[in-house]
C-alpha atoms as a PDB file:
ATOM      1  CA  MET A   1     -28.373   2.793 -14.832  1.00  0.00           C
ATOM      2  CA  GLU A   2     -24.759   3.475 -13.890  1.00  0.00           C
ATOM      3  CA  LYS A   3     -24.141   3.731 -10.152  1.00  0.00           C
ATOM      4  CA  ILE A   4     -20.873   5.405  -9.249  1.00  0.00           C
ATOM      5  CA  ARG A   5     -18.791   4.473  -6.233  1.00  0.00           C
ATOM      6  CA  ARG A   6     -16.652   7.583  -5.596  1.00  0.00           C
ATOM      7  CA  ALA A   7     -13.040   7.438  -4.456  1.00  0.00           C
ATOM      8  CA  LEU A   8     -13.124   9.268  -1.128  1.00  0.00           C
ATOM      9  CA  HIS A   9      -9.937   8.060   0.542  1.00  0.00           C
ATOM     10  CA  ALA A  10      -7.482   8.416  -2.359  1.00  0.00           C
ATOM     11  CA  ALA A  11      -5.743  11.742  -2.861  1.00  0.00           C
ATOM     12  CA  LYS A  12      -6.203  13.423  -6.247  1.00  0.00           C
ATOM     13  CA  LYS A  13      -2.629  14.291  -7.197  1.00  0.00           C
ATOM     14  CA  LEU A  14      -0.747  11.050  -6.832  1.00  0.00           C
ATOM     15  CA  GLU A  15      -0.051  10.069 -10.432  1.00  0.00           C
ATOM     16  CA  GLU A  16       3.526  11.357 -10.366  1.00  0.00           C
ATOM     17  CA  GLU A  17       4.147   9.618  -7.048  1.00  0.00           C
ATOM     18  CA  LEU A  18       2.764   6.351  -8.422  1.00  0.00           C
ATOM     19  CA  ASP A  19       5.082   6.629 -11.426  1.00  0.00           C
ATOM     20  CA  GLY A  20       8.008   7.383  -9.128  1.00  0.00           C
ATOM     21  CA  TRP A  21       7.355   4.430  -6.842  1.00  0.00           C
ATOM     22  CA  LEU A  22       6.907   2.047  -9.787  1.00  0.00           C
ATOM     23  CA  LYS A  23      10.136   3.305 -11.362  1.00  0.00           C
ATOM     24  CA  ALA A  24      12.017   2.939  -8.068  1.00  0.00           C
ATOM     25  CA  ALA A  25      10.786  -0.649  -7.640  1.00  0.00           C
ATOM     26  CA  ALA A  26      12.358  -1.389 -11.064  1.00  0.00           C
ATOM     27  CA  LEU A  27      10.467  -4.656 -11.549  1.00  0.00           C
ATOM     28  CA  VAL A  28      10.091  -6.550 -14.810  1.00  0.00           C
ATOM     29  CA  LYS A  29       6.453  -7.063 -15.798  1.00  0.00           C
ATOM     30  CA  SER A  30       5.665 -10.763 -16.043  1.00  0.00           C
ATOM     31  CA  PRO A  31       2.701 -12.501 -17.718  1.00  0.00           C
ATOM     32  CA  ASP A  32       3.181 -15.289 -15.162  1.00  0.00           C
ATOM     33  CA  VAL A  33       2.060 -13.010 -12.315  1.00  0.00           C
ATOM     34  CA  ARG A  34      -1.645 -13.689 -11.849  1.00  0.00           C
ATOM     35  CA  GLY A  35      -2.216 -11.931  -8.574  1.00  0.00           C
ATOM     36  CA  VAL A  36      -0.746  -9.676  -5.912  1.00  0.00           C
ATOM     37  CA  ILE A  37      -0.987  -9.122  -2.194  1.00  0.00           C
ATOM     38  CA  ALA A  38      -0.609  -5.421  -1.428  1.00  0.00           C
ATOM     39  CA  PRO A  39      -1.238  -3.091   1.540  1.00  0.00           C
ATOM     40  CA  HIS A  40      -4.227  -0.808   2.004  1.00  0.00           C
ATOM     41  CA  ALA A  41      -2.932   2.097   4.081  1.00  0.00           C
ATOM     42  CA  GLY A  42      -2.709   5.654   2.775  1.00  0.00           C
ATOM     43  CA  TYR A  43      -0.268   6.072  -0.098  1.00  0.00           C
ATOM     44  CA  SER A  44       2.059   8.287   1.958  1.00  0.00           C
ATOM     45  CA  TYR A  45       2.565   5.274   4.238  1.00  0.00           C
ATOM     46  CA  SER A  46       2.311   2.213   1.996  1.00  0.00           C
ATOM     47  CA  GLY A  47       2.497   3.501  -1.583  1.00  0.00           C
ATOM     48  CA  ARG A  48       6.160   2.692  -2.019  1.00  0.00           C
ATOM     49  CA  ALA A  49       5.789  -0.853  -0.682  1.00  0.00           C
ATOM     50  CA  ALA A  50       2.683  -1.436  -2.836  1.00  0.00           C
ATOM     51  CA  ALA A  51       4.681  -0.651  -5.988  1.00  0.00           C
ATOM     52  CA  TYR A  52       6.571  -3.915  -5.460  1.00  0.00           C
ATOM     53  CA  ALA A  53       3.286  -5.747  -5.970  1.00  0.00           C
ATOM     54  CA  PHE A  54       1.684  -3.765  -8.784  1.00  0.00           C
ATOM     55  CA  GLY A  55       4.950  -3.254 -10.680  1.00  0.00           C
ATOM     56  CA  ASN A  56       4.960  -6.975 -11.545  1.00  0.00           C
ATOM     57  CA  ILE A  57       1.739  -6.875 -13.535  1.00  0.00           C
ATOM     58  CA  ASP A  58       1.777  -7.358 -17.296  1.00  0.00           C
ATOM     59  CA  PRO A  59      -1.679  -6.089 -18.315  1.00  0.00           C
ATOM     60  CA  THR A  60      -1.530  -7.370 -21.894  1.00  0.00           C
ATOM     61  CA  ASN A  61      -3.816 -10.395 -21.631  1.00  0.00           C
ATOM     62  CA  ILE A  62      -5.811  -9.523 -18.502  1.00  0.00           C
ATOM     63  CA  SER A  63      -9.445  -8.479 -18.932  1.00  0.00           C
ATOM     64  CA  ARG A  64     -10.816  -8.949 -15.403  1.00  0.00           C
ATOM     65  CA  VAL A  65      -9.516  -8.154 -11.905  1.00  0.00           C
ATOM     66  CA  PHE A  66     -10.968  -9.767  -8.795  1.00  0.00           C
ATOM     67  CA  LEU A  67     -10.393  -7.317  -5.965  1.00  0.00           C
ATOM     68  CA  LEU A  68     -10.555  -8.900  -2.503  1.00  0.00           C
ATOM     69  CA  GLY A  69     -10.637  -6.433   0.378  1.00  0.00           C
ATOM     70  CA  PRO A  70     -11.292  -6.953   4.083  1.00  0.00           C
ATOM     71  CA  SER A  71     -14.070  -5.172   5.946  1.00  0.00           C
ATOM     72  CA  HIS A  72     -12.949  -2.749   8.675  1.00  0.00           C
ATOM     73  CA  HIS A  73     -16.240  -1.081   9.621  1.00  0.00           C
ATOM     74  CA  TYR A  74     -19.101  -3.337   8.517  1.00  0.00           C
ATOM     75  CA  TYR A  75     -19.485  -6.659  10.323  1.00  0.00           C
ATOM     76  CA  THR A  76     -20.534  -9.653   8.292  1.00  0.00           C
ATOM     77  CA  ARG A  77     -19.612 -13.316   8.289  1.00  0.00           C
ATOM     78  CA  LYS A  78     -20.063 -13.442   4.531  1.00  0.00           C
ATOM     79  CA  CYS A  79     -18.657 -11.759   1.451  1.00  0.00           C
ATOM     80  CA  ALA A  80     -20.473  -8.828  -0.095  1.00  0.00           C
ATOM     81  CA  PHE A  81     -20.858  -6.983  -3.380  1.00  0.00           C
ATOM     82  CA  SER A  82     -21.412  -3.274  -3.821  1.00  0.00           C
ATOM     83  CA  LYS A  83     -24.567  -1.858  -5.377  1.00  0.00           C
ATOM     84  CA  ALA A  84     -22.338   0.382  -7.494  1.00  0.00           C
ATOM     85  CA  THR A  85     -21.457  -0.441 -11.104  1.00  0.00           C
ATOM     86  CA  VAL A  86     -18.241   1.545 -11.543  1.00  0.00           C
ATOM     87  CA  TYR A  87     -15.310   2.803  -9.488  1.00  0.00           C
ATOM     88  CA  LYS A  88     -14.548   6.441 -10.271  1.00  0.00           C
ATOM     89  CA  THR A  89     -11.029   7.666  -9.442  1.00  0.00           C
ATOM     90  CA  PRO A  90      -9.172  10.924 -10.080  1.00  0.00           C
ATOM     91  CA  ILE A  91      -7.104   9.317 -12.876  1.00  0.00           C
ATOM     92  CA  GLY A  92      -9.617   6.993 -14.520  1.00  0.00           C
ATOM     93  CA  ASP A  93     -12.580   4.710 -13.980  1.00  0.00           C
ATOM     94  CA  LEU A  94     -12.933   0.952 -13.538  1.00  0.00           C
ATOM     95  CA  PRO A  95     -16.276  -0.590 -14.567  1.00  0.00           C
ATOM     96  CA  PHE A  96     -17.615  -3.604 -12.696  1.00  0.00           C
ATOM     97  CA  ASP A  97     -18.006  -6.957 -14.444  1.00  0.00           C
ATOM     98  CA  LEU A  98     -21.727  -7.253 -13.755  1.00  0.00           C
ATOM     99  CA  GLU A  99     -22.069 -10.609 -15.544  1.00  0.00           C
ATOM    100  CA  VAL A 100     -19.572 -12.337 -13.248  1.00  0.00           C
ATOM    101  CA  ILE A 101     -20.999 -10.593 -10.191  1.00  0.00           C
ATOM    102  CA  GLU A 102     -24.487 -11.885 -11.061  1.00  0.00           C
ATOM    103  CA  GLU A 103     -23.047 -15.367 -11.574  1.00  0.00           C
ATOM    104  CA  LEU A 104     -21.477 -15.334  -8.112  1.00  0.00           C
ATOM    105  CA  LYS A 105     -24.565 -13.782  -6.496  1.00  0.00           C
ATOM    106  CA  ALA A 106     -26.596 -16.689  -7.875  1.00  0.00           C
ATOM    107  CA  THR A 107     -24.815 -19.004  -5.399  1.00  0.00           C
ATOM    108  CA  GLY A 108     -26.873 -17.344  -2.662  1.00  0.00           C
ATOM    109  CA  ASN A 109     -23.809 -16.825  -0.478  1.00  0.00           C
ATOM    110  CA  PHE A 110     -23.071 -13.146  -1.117  1.00  0.00           C
ATOM    111  CA  GLU A 111     -24.611 -10.099   0.524  1.00  0.00           C
ATOM    112  CA  LEU A 112     -25.211  -6.699  -1.023  1.00  0.00           C
ATOM    113  CA  MET A 113     -23.853  -3.630   0.771  1.00  0.00           C
ATOM    114  CA  ASP A 114     -25.245  -0.182   0.202  1.00  0.00           C
ATOM    115  CA  LEU A 115     -23.115   2.681  -1.093  1.00  0.00           C
ATOM    116  CA  ARG A 116     -22.685   4.172   2.383  1.00  0.00           C
ATOM    117  CA  VAL A 117     -20.998   0.983   3.641  1.00  0.00           C
ATOM    118  CA  ASP A 118     -18.925   0.707   0.469  1.00  0.00           C
ATOM    119  CA  GLU A 119     -17.657   4.282   0.607  1.00  0.00           C
ATOM    120  CA  ALA A 120     -16.750   3.972   4.297  1.00  0.00           C
ATOM    121  CA  GLU A 121     -14.372   1.121   3.459  1.00  0.00           C
ATOM    122  CA  HIS A 122     -10.863   1.905   2.208  1.00  0.00           C
ATOM    123  CA  SER A 123      -9.276  -1.540   1.789  1.00  0.00           C
ATOM    124  CA  MET A 124     -10.123  -1.981  -1.909  1.00  0.00           C
ATOM    125  CA  GLU A 125     -10.042   1.706  -2.775  1.00  0.00           C
ATOM    126  CA  MET A 126      -6.336   1.948  -1.944  1.00  0.00           C
ATOM    127  CA  HIS A 127      -5.636  -0.513  -4.773  1.00  0.00           C
ATOM    128  CA  LEU A 128      -7.654   1.398  -7.361  1.00  0.00           C
ATOM    129  CA  LEU A 129      -5.199   4.076  -8.475  1.00  0.00           C
ATOM    130  CA  TYR A 130      -2.462   1.522  -8.996  1.00  0.00           C
ATOM    131  CA  LEU A 131      -4.831  -0.685 -11.001  1.00  0.00           C
ATOM    132  CA  VAL A 132      -5.972   2.259 -13.137  1.00  0.00           C
ATOM    133  CA  LYS A 133      -2.329   3.173 -13.698  1.00  0.00           C
ATOM    134  CA  ILE A 134      -1.171  -0.338 -14.611  1.00  0.00           C
ATOM    135  CA  PHE A 135      -4.146  -1.055 -16.886  1.00  0.00           C
ATOM    136  CA  GLU A 136      -4.097   2.316 -18.634  1.00  0.00           C
ATOM    137  CA  GLY A 137      -4.983   1.766 -22.301  1.00  0.00           C
ATOM    138  CA  HIS A 138      -6.350  -1.739 -21.637  1.00  0.00           C
ATOM    139  CA  GLN A 139      -9.982  -2.816 -21.421  1.00  0.00           C
ATOM    140  CA  VAL A 140     -10.414  -4.301 -17.965  1.00  0.00           C
ATOM    141  CA  LYS A 141     -13.350  -4.815 -15.613  1.00  0.00           C
ATOM    142  CA  VAL A 142     -13.287  -5.434 -11.864  1.00  0.00           C
ATOM    143  CA  VAL A 143     -15.109  -7.795  -9.526  1.00  0.00           C
ATOM    144  CA  PRO A 144     -14.789  -6.152  -6.082  1.00  0.00           C
ATOM    145  CA  ILE A 145     -15.544  -8.484  -3.174  1.00  0.00           C
ATOM    146  CA  LEU A 146     -15.746  -7.238   0.408  1.00  0.00           C
ATOM    147  CA  VAL A 147     -14.508 -10.095   2.599  1.00  0.00           C
ATOM    148  CA  GLY A 148     -16.085 -10.381   6.013  1.00  0.00           C
ATOM    149  CA  ALA A 149     -14.992 -12.155   9.201  1.00  0.00           C
ATOM    150  CA  LEU A 150     -14.953 -15.621   7.674  1.00  0.00           C
ATOM    151  CA  ASN A 151     -14.273 -18.850   9.501  1.00  0.00           C
ATOM    152  CA  ALA A 152     -12.020 -21.492   7.944  1.00  0.00           C
ATOM    153  CA  ASP A 153     -14.929 -23.337   6.318  1.00  0.00           C
ATOM    154  CA  ASN A 154     -16.245 -20.187   4.666  1.00  0.00           C
ATOM    155  CA  GLU A 155     -12.770 -19.177   3.504  1.00  0.00           C
ATOM    156  CA  ALA A 156     -12.588 -22.535   1.735  1.00  0.00           C
ATOM    157  CA  MET A 157     -16.123 -22.196   0.337  1.00  0.00           C
ATOM    158  CA  TYR A 158     -15.570 -18.747  -1.152  1.00  0.00           C
ATOM    159  CA  GLY A 159     -12.170 -19.830  -2.423  1.00  0.00           C
ATOM    160  CA  GLN A 160     -13.849 -22.644  -4.328  1.00  0.00           C
ATOM    161  CA  PHE A 161     -16.379 -20.227  -5.852  1.00  0.00           C
ATOM    162  CA  LEU A 162     -13.409 -18.372  -7.350  1.00  0.00           C
ATOM    163  CA  ALA A 163     -11.373 -21.462  -8.260  1.00  0.00           C
ATOM    164  CA  LYS A 164     -12.533 -21.717 -11.869  1.00  0.00           C
ATOM    165  CA  TYR A 165     -11.456 -18.144 -12.520  1.00  0.00           C
ATOM    166  CA  VAL A 166      -7.909 -18.853 -11.335  1.00  0.00           C
ATOM    167  CA  ASP A 167      -7.412 -21.278 -14.210  1.00  0.00           C
ATOM    168  CA  ASP A 168      -8.176 -18.570 -16.780  1.00  0.00           C
ATOM    169  CA  PRO A 169      -5.098 -16.361 -17.446  1.00  0.00           C
ATOM    170  CA  SER A 170      -7.332 -13.436 -18.418  1.00  0.00           C
ATOM    171  CA  ASN A 171      -8.285 -13.136 -14.727  1.00  0.00           C
ATOM    172  CA  PHE A 172      -6.174 -11.386 -12.104  1.00  0.00           C
ATOM    173  CA  PHE A 173      -6.461 -11.210  -8.293  1.00  0.00           C
ATOM    174  CA  SER A 174      -5.629  -8.105  -6.261  1.00  0.00           C
ATOM    175  CA  VAL A 175      -5.655  -9.004  -2.561  1.00  0.00           C
ATOM    176  CA  SER A 176      -5.672  -6.282   0.092  1.00  0.00           C
ATOM    177  CA  SER A 177      -4.023  -6.838   3.469  1.00  0.00           C
ATOM    178  CA  ASP A 178      -1.690  -5.044   5.846  1.00  0.00           C
ATOM    179  CA  PHE A 179       0.613  -6.966   8.170  1.00  0.00           C
ATOM    180  CA  CYS A 180       1.613  -6.477  11.805  1.00  0.00           C
ATOM    181  CA  HIS A 181      -0.275  -3.716  13.653  1.00  0.00           C
ATOM    182  CA  TRP A 182       1.984  -3.262  16.658  1.00  0.00           C
ATOM    183  CA  GLY A 183       0.272  -2.079  19.812  1.00  0.00           C
ATOM    184  CA  SER A 184      -0.514  -2.874  23.421  1.00  0.00           C
ATOM    185  CA  ARG A 185      -2.021  -6.298  22.591  1.00  0.00           C
ATOM    186  CA  TYR A 186       1.453  -7.657  21.808  1.00  0.00           C
ATOM    187  CA  ALA A 187       3.995  -8.898  24.341  1.00  0.00           C
ATOM    188  CA  LEU A 188       7.585  -8.288  23.339  1.00  0.00           C
ATOM    189  CA  ASP A 189       9.779 -11.344  22.939  1.00  0.00           C
ATOM    190  CA  LYS A 190      12.969  -9.880  24.386  1.00  0.00           C
ATOM    191  CA  LYS A 191      15.287 -12.270  22.570  1.00  0.00           C
ATOM    192  CA  TYR A 192      14.870 -10.069  19.493  1.00  0.00           C
ATOM    193  CA  GLY A 193      16.100  -6.956  21.292  1.00  0.00           C
ATOM    194  CA  ALA A 194      14.499  -3.852  19.793  1.00  0.00           C
ATOM    195  CA  ILE A 195      10.748  -3.892  19.268  1.00  0.00           C
ATOM    196  CA  HIS A 196      11.056  -3.148  15.545  1.00  0.00           C
ATOM    197  CA  LYS A 197      13.314  -6.213  15.211  1.00  0.00           C
ATOM    198  CA  TYR A 198      10.621  -8.366  16.812  1.00  0.00           C
ATOM    199  CA  ILE A 199       8.028  -6.910  14.432  1.00  0.00           C
ATOM    200  CA  GLU A 200      10.357  -7.737  11.553  1.00  0.00           C
ATOM    201  CA  ALA A 201      10.564 -11.322  12.801  1.00  0.00           C
ATOM    202  CA  LEU A 202       6.754 -11.589  13.138  1.00  0.00           C
ATOM    203  CA  ASP A 203       6.283 -10.340   9.590  1.00  0.00           C
ATOM    204  CA  LYS A 204       8.972 -12.689   8.257  1.00  0.00           C
ATOM    205  CA  MET A 205       7.325 -15.681   9.951  1.00  0.00           C
ATOM    206  CA  GLY A 206       3.967 -14.731   8.446  1.00  0.00           C
ATOM    207  CA  MET A 207       5.367 -14.260   4.944  1.00  0.00           C
ATOM    208  CA  ASP A 208       7.280 -17.529   5.118  1.00  0.00           C
ATOM    209  CA  VAL A 209       4.241 -19.534   6.179  1.00  0.00           C
ATOM    210  CA  ILE A 210       2.075 -17.963   3.450  1.00  0.00           C
ATOM    211  CA  GLU A 211       4.714 -18.864   0.878  1.00  0.00           C
ATOM    212  CA  THR A 212       4.616 -22.529   1.938  1.00  0.00           C
ATOM    213  CA  GLY A 213       0.980 -22.731   0.864  1.00  0.00           C
ATOM    214  CA  ASP A 214       0.154 -24.819   3.950  1.00  0.00           C
ATOM    215  CA  PRO A 215      -3.228 -23.613   5.295  1.00  0.00           C
ATOM    216  CA  ASP A 216      -2.805 -25.472   8.600  1.00  0.00           C
ATOM    217  CA  ALA A 217       0.558 -23.828   9.238  1.00  0.00           C
ATOM    218  CA  PHE A 218      -0.979 -20.428   8.466  1.00  0.00           C
ATOM    219  CA  LYS A 219      -3.823 -21.145  10.882  1.00  0.00           C
ATOM    220  CA  LEU A 220      -1.370 -22.074  13.656  1.00  0.00           C
ATOM    221  CA  TYR A 221       0.654 -18.920  13.026  1.00  0.00           C
ATOM    222  CA  LEU A 222      -2.463 -16.767  13.347  1.00  0.00           C
ATOM    223  CA  GLN A 223      -3.511 -18.570  16.525  1.00  0.00           C
ATOM    224  CA  GLU A 224      -0.118 -17.941  18.132  1.00  0.00           C
ATOM    225  CA  TYR A 225       0.276 -14.373  16.920  1.00  0.00           C
ATOM    226  CA  ASP A 226      -3.280 -13.047  16.912  1.00  0.00           C
ATOM    227  CA  SER A 227      -3.821  -9.994  14.672  1.00  0.00           C
ATOM    228  CA  ALA A 228      -0.297 -10.281  13.252  1.00  0.00           C
ATOM    229  CA  ILE A 229      -1.846  -9.873   9.789  1.00  0.00           C
ATOM    230  CA  CYS A 230      -4.536  -7.226   9.445  1.00  0.00           C
ATOM    231  CA  ARG A 231      -7.800  -8.653   8.097  1.00  0.00           C
ATOM    232  CA  ARG A 232      -6.094 -11.775   6.733  1.00  0.00           C
ATOM    233  CA  HIS A 233      -9.257 -13.427   5.354  1.00  0.00           C
ATOM    234  CA  PRO A 234      -8.702 -12.305   1.726  1.00  0.00           C
ATOM    235  CA  ILE A 235      -5.267 -13.986   1.792  1.00  0.00           C
ATOM    236  CA  SER A 236      -6.837 -17.196   3.064  1.00  0.00           C
ATOM    237  CA  MET A 237      -9.488 -16.999   0.330  1.00  0.00           C
ATOM    238  CA  LEU A 238      -6.775 -16.710  -2.322  1.00  0.00           C
ATOM    239  CA  ARG A 239      -4.925 -19.664  -0.823  1.00  0.00           C
ATOM    240  CA  ASN A 240      -8.144 -21.711  -0.995  1.00  0.00           C
ATOM    241  CA  CYS A 241      -8.743 -20.932  -4.678  1.00  0.00           C
ATOM    242  CA  SER A 242      -6.108 -23.354  -5.894  1.00  0.00           C
ATOM    243  CA  THR A 243      -3.150 -25.393  -4.672  1.00  0.00           C
ATOM    244  CA  LYS A 244      -1.362 -24.238  -7.832  1.00  0.00           C
ATOM    245  CA  ILE A 245      -0.974 -20.669  -6.545  1.00  0.00           C
ATOM    246  CA  LYS A 246       2.603 -19.880  -5.540  1.00  0.00           C
ATOM    247  CA  ILE A 247       3.143 -16.676  -3.562  1.00  0.00           C
ATOM    248  CA  GLN A 248       6.452 -14.840  -3.242  1.00  0.00           C
ATOM    249  CA  PHE A 249       6.928 -11.789  -1.040  1.00  0.00           C
ATOM    250  CA  LEU A 250       9.085  -9.052  -2.517  1.00  0.00           C
ATOM    251  CA  GLN A 251       8.995  -6.201  -0.011  1.00  0.00           C
ATOM    252  CA  CYS A 252       8.038  -5.482   3.587  1.00  0.00           C
ATOM    253  CA  GLU A 253       8.273  -2.131   5.353  1.00  0.00           C
ATOM    254  CA  GLN A 254       7.253  -0.673   8.725  1.00  0.00           C
ATOM    255  CA  SER A 255       5.490   2.659   9.069  1.00  0.00           C
ATOM    256  CA  SER A 256       7.892   3.514  11.903  1.00  0.00           C
ATOM    257  CA  GLN A 257      10.532   1.781  13.992  1.00  0.00           C
ATOM    258  CA  CYS A 258       9.132   1.148  17.459  1.00  0.00           C
ATOM    259  CA  LYS A 259      11.643   1.695  20.268  1.00  0.00           C
ATOM    260  CA  THR A 260       9.366   1.810  23.324  1.00  0.00           C
ATOM    261  CA  THR A 261       6.250  -0.114  24.329  1.00  0.00           C
ATOM    262  CA  GLY A 262       4.161   3.018  23.814  1.00  0.00           C
ATOM    263  CA  ASP A 263       5.123   3.276  20.142  1.00  0.00           C
ATOM    264  CA  SER A 264       2.958   1.898  17.340  1.00  0.00           C
ATOM    265  CA  SER A 265       3.534   0.854  13.739  1.00  0.00           C
ATOM    266  CA  VAL A 266       1.945  -0.968  10.825  1.00  0.00           C
ATOM    267  CA  SER A 267       3.774  -3.274   8.431  1.00  0.00           C
ATOM    268  CA  TYR A 268       3.200  -3.239   4.681  1.00  0.00           C
ATOM    269  CA  ALA A 269       4.059  -6.364   2.677  1.00  0.00           C
ATOM    270  CA  SER A 270       3.825  -6.881  -1.079  1.00  0.00           C
ATOM    271  CA  ALA A 271       3.813 -10.184  -2.934  1.00  0.00           C
ATOM    272  CA  ALA A 272       3.349 -11.642  -6.387  1.00  0.00           C
ATOM    273  CA  ALA A 273       1.268 -14.761  -7.016  1.00  0.00           C
ATOM    274  CA  LYS A 274       1.895 -17.127  -9.900  1.00  0.00           C
ATOM    275  CA  VAL A 275      -0.115 -20.161 -10.979  1.00  0.00           C
ATOM    276  CA  ASP A 276       1.724 -23.347 -11.876  1.00  0.00           C
ATOM    277  CA  SER A 277       0.662 -24.738 -15.231  1.00  0.00           C
END
């Protein structure tokens, strides 16, 4: 029996905006791109930045998308699958790959979340319209994985569960993460001058260390700049899938330019991931 997971957070009249953002990004679709890192804020905030991730995708030979999204509302130290069987969106539907989901569930390391928990979470949903748009006319199924508050060992474990899928070019990985959430928990490093310049530096440091592929360097960055990357566990999972994954960041934007300590902003970064042969 089909169980529908409704799109509650995505607006219904965004197709023209998606087309506009993709056209403005003016990226060449590449079969070498096997994954993306893209933001998960509302489209009015992060839609333009996200186009720099999704605009890279050549859908021709892809039949399955692993969607890794962090959990904002439901606390778990594991990863979880939905009880739904299809994502329904205003511009098209994405069926789940139930065979692969059952295969991963058989490891005994995944939870099941009920539909209420699933529909409260927005991190994967904000990727759906772009995926529907990019894969229009192509037969593709999704494997949505809610990523909990994992420790380093569990990030490595779940990464290894997904490792065999990385080697298959018919699989694609869509990783959901925002970057710096500026607020009162941060102390301004005055050598950068304006607050938004310091945020820019924090984001640049994070992107650079992710691009190196060095998990220890990433860990040290996160320890020094706590919460500099919102719900970063899906990125760490991707990094643990394979040492062959090479990530390149293409765009980073701030929701607003902070000028006083009372201001707040969120950063949105987009990257393409390729797998060395």
